[in-house]
Amino acid sequence: MLDVSIRAGILNLLKHLTVDMGLVGLYISHDLSLIRNICDTTAIMYLGKIVEKGPH
């Protein structure tokens, strides 16, 4: 786990890269509140299979 300010800076940089440069990002996390704020689409996996998918 990173320091909160460093983590926020890295996530903001990744978000800006995906928006400004038209890149696609894949975030894998257990923190659903983070995923909700960063991603356009969220997929929930259970035992290696997607069981739920939708807009944040």
PDB file of N, CA and C in Angstrom:
ATOM      1  N   MET A   1       0.850  -1.173   0.000  1.00  0.00           N
ATOM      2  CA  MET A   1       0.000   0.000   0.000  1.00  0.00           C
ATOM      3  C   MET A   1       0.896   1.235   0.000  1.00  0.00           C
ATOM      4  N   LEU A   2       0.547   2.173  -0.834  1.00  0.00           N
ATOM      5  CA  LEU A   2       1.300   3.417  -0.937  1.00  0.00           C
ATOM      6  C   LEU A   2       0.739   4.466   0.007  1.00  0.00           C
ATOM      7  N   ASP A   3       1.546   5.480   0.285  1.00  0.00           N
ATOM      8  CA  ASP A   3       1.079   6.636   1.030  1.00  0.00           C
ATOM      9  C   ASP A   3      -0.114   7.232   0.274  1.00  0.00           C
ATOM     10  N   VAL A   4      -1.086   7.772   0.986  1.00  0.00           N
ATOM     11  CA  VAL A   4      -2.320   8.265   0.376  1.00  0.00           C
ATOM     12  C   VAL A   4      -2.050   9.329  -0.684  1.00  0.00           C
ATOM     13  N   SER A   5      -1.172  10.266  -0.427  1.00  0.00           N
ATOM     14  CA  SER A   5      -0.903  11.327  -1.400  1.00  0.00           C
ATOM     15  C   SER A   5      -0.199  10.789  -2.640  1.00  0.00           C
ATOM     16  N   ILE A   6       0.708   9.831  -2.467  1.00  0.00           N
ATOM     17  CA  ILE A   6       1.399   9.227  -3.611  1.00  0.00           C
ATOM     18  C   ILE A   6       0.412   8.402  -4.430  1.00  0.00           C
ATOM     19  N   ARG A   7      -0.431   7.635  -3.744  1.00  0.00           N
ATOM     20  CA  ARG A   7      -1.451   6.830  -4.421  1.00  0.00           C
ATOM     21  C   ARG A   7      -2.385   7.712  -5.236  1.00  0.00           C
ATOM     22  N   ALA A   8      -2.838   8.813  -4.669  1.00  0.00           N
ATOM     23  CA  ALA A   8      -3.734   9.726  -5.376  1.00  0.00           C
ATOM     24  C   ALA A   8      -3.048  10.327  -6.596  1.00  0.00           C
ATOM     25  N   GLY A   9      -1.785  10.695  -6.464  1.00  0.00           N
ATOM     26  CA  GLY A   9      -1.042  11.253  -7.591  1.00  0.00           C
ATOM     27  C   GLY A   9      -0.886  10.269  -8.726  1.00  0.00           C
ATOM     28  N   ILE A  10      -0.574   9.029  -8.412  1.00  0.00           N
ATOM     29  CA  ILE A  10      -0.412   8.001  -9.440  1.00  0.00           C
ATOM     30  C   ILE A  10      -1.747   7.725 -10.133  1.00  0.00           C
ATOM     31  N   LEU A  11      -2.820   7.605  -9.363  1.00  0.00           N
ATOM     32  CA  LEU A  11      -4.130   7.340  -9.952  1.00  0.00           C
ATOM     33  C   LEU A  11      -4.604   8.499 -10.817  1.00  0.00           C
ATOM     34  N   ASN A  12      -4.347   9.730 -10.383  1.00  0.00           N
ATOM     35  CA  ASN A  12      -4.704  10.890 -11.204  1.00  0.00           C
ATOM     36  C   ASN A  12      -3.912  10.910 -12.499  1.00  0.00           C
ATOM     37  N   LEU A  13      -2.636  10.574 -12.438  1.00  0.00           N
ATOM     38  CA  LEU A  13      -1.806  10.512 -13.641  1.00  0.00           C
ATOM     39  C   LEU A  13      -2.340   9.462 -14.608  1.00  0.00           C
ATOM     40  N   LEU A  14      -2.656   8.275 -14.116  1.00  0.00           N
ATOM     41  CA  LEU A  14      -3.187   7.221 -14.971  1.00  0.00           C
ATOM     42  C   LEU A  14      -4.525   7.619 -15.583  1.00  0.00           C
ATOM     43  N   LYS A  15      -5.381   8.270 -14.800  1.00  0.00           N
ATOM     44  CA  LYS A  15      -6.681   8.712 -15.312  1.00  0.00           C
ATOM     45  C   LYS A  15      -6.499   9.750 -16.412  1.00  0.00           C
ATOM     46  N   HIS A  16      -5.594  10.711 -16.208  1.00  0.00           N
ATOM     47  CA  HIS A  16      -5.349  11.739 -17.217  1.00  0.00           C
ATOM     48  C   HIS A  16      -4.742  11.138 -18.486  1.00  0.00           C
ATOM     49  N   LEU A  17      -3.876  10.152 -18.350  1.00  0.00           N
ATOM     50  CA  LEU A  17      -3.304   9.501 -19.528  1.00  0.00           C
ATOM     51  C   LEU A  17      -4.378   8.809 -20.354  1.00  0.00           C
ATOM     52  N   THR A  18      -5.298   8.129 -19.692  1.00  0.00           N
ATOM     53  CA  THR A  18      -6.343   7.431 -20.433  1.00  0.00           C
ATOM     54  C   THR A  18      -7.288   8.413 -21.115  1.00  0.00           C
ATOM     55  N   VAL A  19      -7.589   9.531 -20.472  1.00  0.00           N
ATOM     56  CA  VAL A  19      -8.508  10.512 -21.058  1.00  0.00           C
ATOM     57  C   VAL A  19      -7.810  11.344 -22.125  1.00  0.00           C
ATOM     58  N   ASP A  20      -6.677  11.915 -21.819  1.00  0.00           N
ATOM     59  CA  ASP A  20      -5.991  12.844 -22.731  1.00  0.00           C
ATOM     60  C   ASP A  20      -5.393  12.159 -23.958  1.00  0.00           C
ATOM     61  N   MET A  21      -4.897  10.947 -23.793  1.00  0.00           N
ATOM     62  CA  MET A  21      -4.230  10.269 -24.897  1.00  0.00           C
ATOM     63  C   MET A  21      -5.095   9.188 -25.541  1.00  0.00           C
ATOM     64  N   GLY A  22      -6.305   9.007 -25.039  1.00  0.00           N
ATOM     65  CA  GLY A  22      -7.206   8.017 -25.605  1.00  0.00           C
ATOM     66  C   GLY A  22      -6.772   6.587 -25.353  1.00  0.00           C
ATOM     67  N   LEU A  23      -6.037   6.369 -24.273  1.00  0.00           N
ATOM     68  CA  LEU A  23      -5.575   5.029 -23.940  1.00  0.00           C
ATOM     69  C   LEU A  23      -6.654   4.267 -23.180  1.00  0.00           C
ATOM     70  N   VAL A  24      -6.504   2.969 -23.143  1.00  0.00           N
ATOM     71  CA  VAL A  24      -7.401   2.118 -22.369  1.00  0.00           C
ATOM     72  C   VAL A  24      -6.653   1.675 -21.128  1.00  0.00           C
ATOM     73  N   GLY A  25      -7.315   1.745 -19.980  1.00  0.00           N
ATOM     74  CA  GLY A  25      -6.691   1.315 -18.738  1.00  0.00           C
ATOM     75  C   GLY A  25      -7.458   0.153 -18.126  1.00  0.00           C
ATOM     76  N   LEU A  26      -6.743  -0.737 -17.501  1.00  0.00           N
ATOM     77  CA  LEU A  26      -7.343  -1.858 -16.784  1.00  0.00           C
ATOM     78  C   LEU A  26      -6.866  -1.778 -15.344  1.00  0.00           C
ATOM     79  N   TYR A  27      -7.794  -1.588 -14.426  1.00  0.00           N
ATOM     80  CA  TYR A  27      -7.470  -1.487 -13.008  1.00  0.00           C
ATOM     81  C   TYR A  27      -8.026  -2.724 -12.314  1.00  0.00           C
ATOM     82  N   ILE A  28      -7.187  -3.370 -11.547  1.00  0.00           N
ATOM     83  CA  ILE A  28      -7.611  -4.530 -10.777  1.00  0.00           C
ATOM     84  C   ILE A  28      -7.451  -4.163  -9.306  1.00  0.00           C
ATOM     85  N   SER A  29      -8.564  -4.229  -8.569  1.00  0.00           N
ATOM     86  CA  SER A  29      -8.520  -3.780  -7.182  1.00  0.00           C
ATOM     87  C   SER A  29      -9.640  -4.426  -6.383  1.00  0.00           C
ATOM     88  N   HIS A  30      -9.442  -4.486  -5.075  1.00  0.00           N
ATOM     89  CA  HIS A  30     -10.485  -4.896  -4.154  1.00  0.00           C
ATOM     90  C   HIS A  30     -11.247  -3.679  -3.633  1.00  0.00           C
ATOM     91  N   ASP A  31     -10.751  -2.488  -3.930  1.00  0.00           N
ATOM     92  CA  ASP A  31     -11.328  -1.238  -3.437  1.00  0.00           C
ATOM     93  C   ASP A  31     -12.377  -0.735  -4.431  1.00  0.00           C
ATOM     94  N   LEU A  32     -13.644  -1.104  -4.211  1.00  0.00           N
ATOM     95  CA  LEU A  32     -14.707  -0.742  -5.152  1.00  0.00           C
ATOM     96  C   LEU A  32     -14.973   0.756  -5.202  1.00  0.00           C
ATOM     97  N   SER A  33     -14.736   1.477  -4.131  1.00  0.00           N
ATOM     98  CA  SER A  33     -14.923   2.932  -4.169  1.00  0.00           C
ATOM     99  C   SER A  33     -13.898   3.579  -5.091  1.00  0.00           C
ATOM    100  N   LEU A  34     -12.686   3.063  -5.110  1.00  0.00           N
ATOM    101  CA  LEU A  34     -11.664   3.545  -6.028  1.00  0.00           C
ATOM    102  C   LEU A  34     -12.077   3.264  -7.465  1.00  0.00           C
ATOM    103  N   ILE A  35     -12.497   2.045  -7.743  1.00  0.00           N
ATOM    104  CA  ILE A  35     -12.900   1.647  -9.091  1.00  0.00           C
ATOM    105  C   ILE A  35     -14.077   2.497  -9.566  1.00  0.00           C
ATOM    106  N   ARG A  36     -14.996   2.777  -8.689  1.00  0.00           N
ATOM    107  CA  ARG A  36     -16.169   3.590  -9.052  1.00  0.00           C
ATOM    108  C   ARG A  36     -15.748   4.983  -9.512  1.00  0.00           C
ATOM    109  N   ASN A  37     -14.738   5.550  -8.872  1.00  0.00           N
ATOM    110  CA  ASN A  37     -14.295   6.903  -9.217  1.00  0.00           C
ATOM    111  C   ASN A  37     -13.352   6.948 -10.417  1.00  0.00           C
ATOM    112  N   ILE A  38     -12.686   5.864 -10.728  1.00  0.00           N
ATOM    113  CA  ILE A  38     -11.680   5.855 -11.786  1.00  0.00           C
ATOM    114  C   ILE A  38     -12.233   5.319 -13.110  1.00  0.00           C
ATOM    115  N   CYS A  39     -13.056   4.292 -13.057  1.00  0.00           N
ATOM    116  CA  CYS A  39     -13.422   3.541 -14.263  1.00  0.00           C
ATOM    117  C   CYS A  39     -14.796   3.920 -14.815  1.00  0.00           C
ATOM    118  N   ASP A  40     -14.950   3.697 -16.121  1.00  0.00           N
ATOM    119  CA  ASP A  40     -16.244   3.893 -16.773  1.00  0.00           C
ATOM    120  C   ASP A  40     -17.111   2.643 -16.674  1.00  0.00           C
ATOM    121  N   THR A  41     -16.484   1.489 -16.709  1.00  0.00           N
ATOM    122  CA  THR A  41     -17.180   0.212 -16.636  1.00  0.00           C
ATOM    123  C   THR A  41     -16.522  -0.641 -15.562  1.00  0.00           C
ATOM    124  N   THR A  42     -17.344  -1.354 -14.810  1.00  0.00           N
ATOM    125  CA  THR A  42     -16.835  -2.207 -13.741  1.00  0.00           C
ATOM    126  C   THR A  42     -17.298  -3.637 -13.972  1.00  0.00           C
ATOM    127  N   ALA A  43     -16.406  -4.586 -13.768  1.00  0.00           N
ATOM    128  CA  ALA A  43     -16.746  -6.006 -13.839  1.00  0.00           C
ATOM    129  C   ALA A  43     -16.354  -6.651 -12.515  1.00  0.00           C
ATOM    130  N   ILE A  44     -17.262  -7.435 -11.974  1.00  0.00           N
ATOM    131  CA  ILE A  44     -17.013  -8.149 -10.724  1.00  0.00           C
ATOM    132  C   ILE A  44     -16.723  -9.602 -11.072  1.00  0.00           C
ATOM    133  N   MET A  45     -15.617 -10.101 -10.525  1.00  0.00           N
ATOM    134  CA  MET A  45     -15.231 -11.489 -10.796  1.00  0.00           C
ATOM    135  C   MET A  45     -15.370 -12.341  -9.541  1.00  0.00           C
ATOM    136  N   TYR A  46     -15.725 -13.605  -9.760  1.00  0.00           N
ATOM    137  CA  TYR A  46     -15.785 -14.582  -8.683  1.00  0.00           C
ATOM    138  C   TYR A  46     -15.244 -15.892  -9.239  1.00  0.00           C
ATOM    139  N   LEU A  47     -14.247 -16.420  -8.595  1.00  0.00           N
ATOM    140  CA  LEU A  47     -13.592 -17.665  -9.011  1.00  0.00           C
ATOM    141  C   LEU A  47     -13.117 -17.591 -10.457  1.00  0.00           C
ATOM    142  N   GLY A  48     -12.586 -16.423 -10.847  1.00  0.00           N
ATOM    143  CA  GLY A  48     -11.995 -16.261 -12.165  1.00  0.00           C
ATOM    144  C   GLY A  48     -12.969 -16.008 -13.298  1.00  0.00           C
ATOM    145  N   LYS A  49     -14.252 -15.826 -12.990  1.00  0.00           N
ATOM    146  CA  LYS A  49     -15.253 -15.570 -14.024  1.00  0.00           C
ATOM    147  C   LYS A  49     -16.008 -14.283 -13.697  1.00  0.00           C
ATOM    148  N   ILE A  50     -16.330 -13.525 -14.742  1.00  0.00           N
ATOM    149  CA  ILE A  50     -17.103 -12.300 -14.547  1.00  0.00           C
ATOM    150  C   ILE A  50     -18.528 -12.669 -14.224  1.00  0.00           C
ATOM    151  N   VAL A  51     -19.021 -12.200 -13.077  1.00  0.00           N
ATOM    152  CA  VAL A  51     -20.383 -12.511 -12.644  1.00  0.00           C
ATOM    153  C   VAL A  51     -21.297 -11.297 -12.717  1.00  0.00           C
ATOM    154  N   GLU A  52     -20.692 -10.114 -12.846  1.00  0.00           N
ATOM    155  CA  GLU A  52     -21.498  -8.894 -12.927  1.00  0.00           C
ATOM    156  C   GLU A  52     -20.687  -7.849 -13.678  1.00  0.00           C
ATOM    157  N   LYS A  53     -21.360  -7.087 -14.556  1.00  0.00           N
ATOM    158  CA  LYS A  53     -20.679  -6.072 -15.337  1.00  0.00           C
ATOM    159  C   LYS A  53     -21.651  -4.940 -15.606  1.00  0.00           C
ATOM    160  N   GLY A  54     -21.130  -3.702 -15.530  1.00  0.00           N
ATOM    161  CA  GLY A  54     -21.995  -2.573 -15.807  1.00  0.00           C
ATOM    162  C   GLY A  54     -21.257  -1.258 -15.657  1.00  0.00           C
ATOM    163  N   PRO A  55     -21.958  -0.152 -15.951  1.00  0.00           N
ATOM    164  CA  PRO A  55     -21.332   1.166 -15.761  1.00  0.00           C
ATOM    165  C   PRO A  55     -21.097   1.400 -14.273  1.00  0.00           C
ATOM    166  N   HIS A  56     -20.071   2.178 -13.958  1.00  0.00           N
ATOM    167  CA  HIS A  56     -19.680   2.334 -12.559  1.00  0.00           C
ATOM    168  C   HIS A  56     -20.900   2.405 -11.711  1.00  0.00           C
TER     169      HIS A  56
END
